[in-house]
Amino acid sequence: MIEAYNKKIKEIPLKLDVLDIPLTPSNPFEIDSTTVNRLKTQYYTY
C-alpha cells in the first residue's frame, strides 16, 4: 500500500511528502521447541 501511494504521489504535480516504509518490528516471543516437537509428532507422520 505504501509503495502504491508513493507512486501515485509522484504522478501528482504538487509538492507532497512520500511515506517511508516502516521497519519490521522484532518478535518478542521465543520458540518453544518442546511444543513444536510435540505438535510435529502429533499431527504429522513422516
C-alpha atoms as a PDB file:
ATOM      1  CA  MET A   1       0.000   0.000   0.000  1.00  0.00           C
ATOM      2  CA  ILE A   2       2.805   2.412   0.815  1.00  0.00           C
ATOM      3  CA  GLU A   3       4.568   1.747  -2.480  1.00  0.00           C
ATOM      4  CA  ALA A   4       1.343   2.318  -4.425  1.00  0.00           C
ATOM      5  CA  TYR A   5       0.705   5.560  -2.528  1.00  0.00           C
ATOM      6  CA  ASN A   6       4.244   6.814  -3.197  1.00  0.00           C
ATOM      7  CA  LYS A   7       3.965   6.016  -6.926  1.00  0.00           C
ATOM      8  CA  LYS A   8       0.673   7.901  -7.130  1.00  0.00           C
ATOM      9  CA  ILE A   9       2.076  10.891  -5.222  1.00  0.00           C
ATOM     10  CA  LYS A  10       4.967  11.170  -7.714  1.00  0.00           C
ATOM     11  CA  GLU A  11       2.434  11.470 -10.569  1.00  0.00           C
ATOM     12  CA  ILE A  12       0.663  14.435  -8.952  1.00  0.00           C
ATOM     13  CA  PRO A  13       2.238  17.835  -9.776  1.00  0.00           C
ATOM     14  CA  LEU A  14       2.000  19.015  -6.152  1.00  0.00           C
ATOM     15  CA  LYS A  15       4.727  19.072  -3.504  1.00  0.00           C
ATOM     16  CA  LEU A  16       3.597  16.215  -1.263  1.00  0.00           C
ATOM     17  CA  ASP A  17       5.721  14.048   1.009  1.00  0.00           C
ATOM     18  CA  VAL A  18       6.128  10.359   0.291  1.00  0.00           C
ATOM     19  CA  LEU A  19       5.766   7.817   3.067  1.00  0.00           C
ATOM     20  CA  ASP A  20       8.666   5.839   4.472  1.00  0.00           C
ATOM     21  CA  ILE A  21       8.340   2.072   4.539  1.00  0.00           C
ATOM     22  CA  PRO A  22       8.151   1.103   8.219  1.00  0.00           C
ATOM     23  CA  LEU A  23      10.683  -1.276   9.706  1.00  0.00           C
ATOM     24  CA  THR A  24       9.553  -4.739  10.697  1.00  0.00           C
ATOM     25  CA  PRO A  25       9.218  -4.904  14.482  1.00  0.00           C
ATOM     26  CA  SER A  26      11.185  -7.502  16.372  1.00  0.00           C
ATOM     27  CA  ASN A  27       9.345 -10.574  17.595  1.00  0.00           C
ATOM     28  CA  PRO A  28       9.096 -10.548  21.419  1.00  0.00           C
ATOM     29  CA  PHE A  29       8.320 -14.285  21.556  1.00  0.00           C
ATOM     30  CA  GLU A  30      10.682 -17.219  21.600  1.00  0.00           C
ATOM     31  CA  ILE A  31      10.152 -20.627  20.035  1.00  0.00           C
ATOM     32  CA  ASP A  32       9.273 -23.372  22.483  1.00  0.00           C
ATOM     33  CA  SER A  33      10.961 -26.376  20.899  1.00  0.00           C
ATOM     34  CA  THR A  34       9.127 -28.815  23.188  1.00  0.00           C
ATOM     35  CA  THR A  35       5.750 -27.624  21.925  1.00  0.00           C
ATOM     36  CA  VAL A  36       6.910 -27.596  18.302  1.00  0.00           C
ATOM     37  CA  ASN A  37       8.209 -31.148  18.529  1.00  0.00           C
ATOM     38  CA  ARG A  38       5.017 -32.324  20.245  1.00  0.00           C
ATOM     39  CA  LEU A  39       2.841 -30.803  17.525  1.00  0.00           C
ATOM     40  CA  LYS A  40       5.024 -32.215  14.769  1.00  0.00           C
ATOM     41  CA  THR A  41       4.792 -35.744  16.138  1.00  0.00           C
ATOM     42  CA  GLN A  42       1.090 -35.403  16.940  1.00  0.00           C
ATOM     43  CA  TYR A  43      -0.124 -34.057  13.596  1.00  0.00           C
ATOM     44  CA  TYR A  44       2.484 -35.068  11.022  1.00  0.00           C
ATOM     45  CA  THR A  45       3.678 -38.516  10.083  1.00  0.00           C
ATOM     46  CA  TYR A  46       6.887 -38.939   8.168  1.00  0.00           C
END
